[in-house]
């Protein structure tokens, strides 16, 4: 995951990207469950 820690990329941008991916995964998991 060190390649994501790019000095050119602001931490907030990385956090938002990870959060969006995490949210999509959770939504897909809940969708499959129900």
PDB file of N, CA and C in Angstrom:
ATOM      1  N   UNK A   1       0.842  -1.207   0.000  1.00  0.00           N
ATOM      2  CA  UNK A   1       0.000   0.000   0.000  1.00  0.00           C
ATOM      3  C   UNK A   1       0.872   1.250   0.000  1.00  0.00           C
ATOM      4  N   UNK A   2       2.187   1.066   0.064  1.00  0.00           N
ATOM      5  CA  UNK A   2       3.084   2.220   0.102  1.00  0.00           C
ATOM      6  C   UNK A   2       3.024   3.016  -1.198  1.00  0.00           C
ATOM      7  N   UNK A   3       2.694   2.354  -2.307  1.00  0.00           N
ATOM      8  CA  UNK A   3       2.630   3.059  -3.585  1.00  0.00           C
ATOM      9  C   UNK A   3       1.503   4.088  -3.584  1.00  0.00           C
ATOM     10  N   UNK A   4       0.533   3.923  -2.680  1.00  0.00           N
ATOM     11  CA  UNK A   4      -0.565   4.896  -2.598  1.00  0.00           C
ATOM     12  C   UNK A   4      -0.106   6.155  -1.860  1.00  0.00           C
ATOM     13  N   UNK A   5       0.929   6.013  -1.046  1.00  0.00           N
ATOM     14  CA  UNK A   5       1.424   7.158  -0.270  1.00  0.00           C
ATOM     15  C   UNK A   5       2.311   8.029  -1.154  1.00  0.00           C
ATOM     16  N   UNK A   6       1.733   8.520  -2.239  1.00  0.00           N
ATOM     17  CA  UNK A   6       2.478   9.343  -3.181  1.00  0.00           C
ATOM     18  C   UNK A   6       2.474  10.792  -2.706  1.00  0.00           C
ATOM     19  N   UNK A   7       3.665  11.422  -2.562  1.00  0.00           N
ATOM     20  CA  UNK A   7       3.757  12.816  -2.091  1.00  0.00           C
ATOM     21  C   UNK A   7       2.919  13.771  -2.944  1.00  0.00           C
ATOM     22  N   UNK A   8       2.684  13.406  -4.207  1.00  0.00           N
ATOM     23  CA  UNK A   8       1.915  14.273  -5.091  1.00  0.00           C
ATOM     24  C   UNK A   8       0.422  14.172  -4.806  1.00  0.00           C
ATOM     25  N   UNK A   9       0.037  13.097  -4.123  1.00  0.00           N
ATOM     26  CA  UNK A   9      -1.389  12.910  -3.840  1.00  0.00           C
ATOM     27  C   UNK A   9      -1.706  13.277  -2.395  1.00  0.00           C
ATOM     28  N   UNK A  10      -2.605  14.257  -2.188  1.00  0.00           N
ATOM     29  CA  UNK A  10      -2.988  14.672  -0.832  1.00  0.00           C
ATOM     30  C   UNK A  10      -3.648  13.520  -0.086  1.00  0.00           C
ATOM     31  N   UNK A  11      -3.390  13.456   1.231  1.00  0.00           N
ATOM     32  CA  UNK A  11      -3.971  12.377   2.032  1.00  0.00           C
ATOM     33  C   UNK A  11      -5.505  12.375   1.969  1.00  0.00           C
ATOM     34  N   UNK A  12      -6.155  13.541   2.025  1.00  0.00           N
ATOM     35  CA  UNK A  12      -7.626  13.576   1.954  1.00  0.00           C
ATOM     36  C   UNK A  12      -8.146  12.896   0.689  1.00  0.00           C
ATOM     37  N   UNK A  13      -7.442  13.083  -0.418  1.00  0.00           N
ATOM     38  CA  UNK A  13      -7.871  12.475  -1.681  1.00  0.00           C
ATOM     39  C   UNK A  13      -7.797  10.963  -1.569  1.00  0.00           C
ATOM     40  N   UNK A  14      -6.716  10.469  -0.955  1.00  0.00           N
ATOM     41  CA  UNK A  14      -6.553   9.022  -0.774  1.00  0.00           C
ATOM     42  C   UNK A  14      -7.650   8.500   0.139  1.00  0.00           C
ATOM     43  N   UNK A  15      -7.918   9.223   1.212  1.00  0.00           N
ATOM     44  CA  UNK A  15      -8.934   8.798   2.179  1.00  0.00           C
ATOM     45  C   UNK A  15     -10.302   8.726   1.500  1.00  0.00           C
ATOM     46  N   UNK A  16     -10.622   9.728   0.687  1.00  0.00           N
ATOM     47  CA  UNK A  16     -11.921   9.741   0.003  1.00  0.00           C
ATOM     48  C   UNK A  16     -12.013   8.591  -0.996  1.00  0.00           C
ATOM     49  N   UNK A  17     -10.916   8.307  -1.667  1.00  0.00           N
ATOM     50  CA  UNK A  17     -10.916   7.213  -2.642  1.00  0.00           C
ATOM     51  C   UNK A  17     -11.147   5.886  -1.941  1.00  0.00           C
ATOM     52  N   UNK A  18     -10.420   5.663  -0.835  1.00  0.00           N
ATOM     53  CA  UNK A  18     -10.582   4.416  -0.091  1.00  0.00           C
ATOM     54  C   UNK A  18     -11.986   4.319   0.486  1.00  0.00           C
ATOM     55  N   UNK A  19     -12.508   5.436   0.966  1.00  0.00           N
ATOM     56  CA  UNK A  19     -13.842   5.446   1.572  1.00  0.00           C
ATOM     57  C   UNK A  19     -14.901   5.102   0.524  1.00  0.00           C
ATOM     58  N   UNK A  20     -14.767   5.665  -0.667  1.00  0.00           N
ATOM     59  CA  UNK A  20     -15.743   5.402  -1.727  1.00  0.00           C
ATOM     60  C   UNK A  20     -15.714   3.928  -2.112  1.00  0.00           C
ATOM     61  N   UNK A  21     -14.513   3.355  -2.223  1.00  0.00           N
ATOM     62  CA  UNK A  21     -14.387   1.938  -2.571  1.00  0.00           C
ATOM     63  C   UNK A  21     -14.982   1.077  -1.464  1.00  0.00           C
ATOM     64  N   UNK A  22     -14.681   1.432  -0.216  1.00  0.00           N
ATOM     65  CA  UNK A  22     -15.200   0.680   0.923  1.00  0.00           C
ATOM     66  C   UNK A  22     -16.724   0.729   0.952  1.00  0.00           C
ATOM     67  N   UNK A  23     -17.268   1.917   0.708  1.00  0.00           N
ATOM     68  CA  UNK A  23     -18.728   2.087   0.716  1.00  0.00           C
ATOM     69  C   UNK A  23     -19.372   1.246  -0.378  1.00  0.00           C
ATOM     70  N   UNK A  24     -18.768   1.256  -1.570  1.00  0.00           N
ATOM     71  CA  UNK A  24     -19.322   0.472  -2.680  1.00  0.00           C
ATOM     72  C   UNK A  24     -19.296  -1.011  -2.333  1.00  0.00           C
ATOM     73  N   UNK A  25     -18.223  -1.465  -1.696  1.00  0.00           N
ATOM     74  CA  UNK A  25     -18.122  -2.876  -1.323  1.00  0.00           C
ATOM     75  C   UNK A  25     -19.196  -3.229  -0.303  1.00  0.00           C
ATOM     76  N   UNK A  26     -19.418  -2.359   0.666  1.00  0.00           N
ATOM     77  CA  UNK A  26     -20.428  -2.609   1.697  1.00  0.00           C
ATOM     78  C   UNK A  26     -21.813  -2.659   1.070  1.00  0.00           C
ATOM     79  N   UNK A  27     -22.087  -1.714   0.183  1.00  0.00           N
ATOM     80  CA  UNK A  27     -23.405  -1.673  -0.464  1.00  0.00           C
ATOM     81  C   UNK A  27     -23.630  -2.935  -1.292  1.00  0.00           C
ATOM     82  N   UNK A  28     -22.611  -3.377  -2.006  1.00  0.00           N
ATOM     83  CA  UNK A  28     -22.755  -4.579  -2.828  1.00  0.00           C
ATOM     84  C   UNK A  28     -22.954  -5.797  -1.935  1.00  0.00           C
ATOM     85  N   UNK A  29     -22.253  -5.831  -0.799  1.00  0.00           N
ATOM     86  CA  UNK A  29     -22.396  -6.959   0.129  1.00  0.00           C
ATOM     87  C   UNK A  29     -23.811  -7.004   0.699  1.00  0.00           C
ATOM     88  N   UNK A  30     -24.335  -5.860   1.104  1.00  0.00           N
ATOM     89  CA  UNK A  30     -25.700  -5.803   1.658  1.00  0.00           C
ATOM     90  C   UNK A  30     -26.710  -6.170   0.572  1.00  0.00           C
ATOM     91  N   UNK A  31     -26.445  -5.735  -0.651  1.00  0.00           N
ATOM     92  CA  UNK A  31     -27.354  -6.043  -1.748  1.00  0.00           C
ATOM     93  C   UNK A  31     -27.404  -7.549  -1.993  1.00  0.00           C
ATOM     94  N   UNK A  32     -26.248  -8.218  -1.905  1.00  0.00           N
ATOM     95  CA  UNK A  32     -26.216  -9.657  -2.120  1.00  0.00           C
ATOM     96  C   UNK A  32     -26.873 -10.380  -0.945  1.00  0.00           C
ATOM     97  N   UNK A  33     -26.712  -9.834   0.261  1.00  0.00           N
ATOM     98  CA  UNK A  33     -27.279 -10.473   1.450  1.00  0.00           C
ATOM     99  C   UNK A  33     -28.800 -10.439   1.405  1.00  0.00           C
ATOM    100  N   UNK A  34     -29.358  -9.307   1.003  1.00  0.00           N
ATOM    101  CA  UNK A  34     -30.816  -9.181   0.976  1.00  0.00           C
ATOM    102  C   UNK A  34     -31.342  -9.509  -0.417  1.00  0.00           C
TER     103      UNK A  34
END
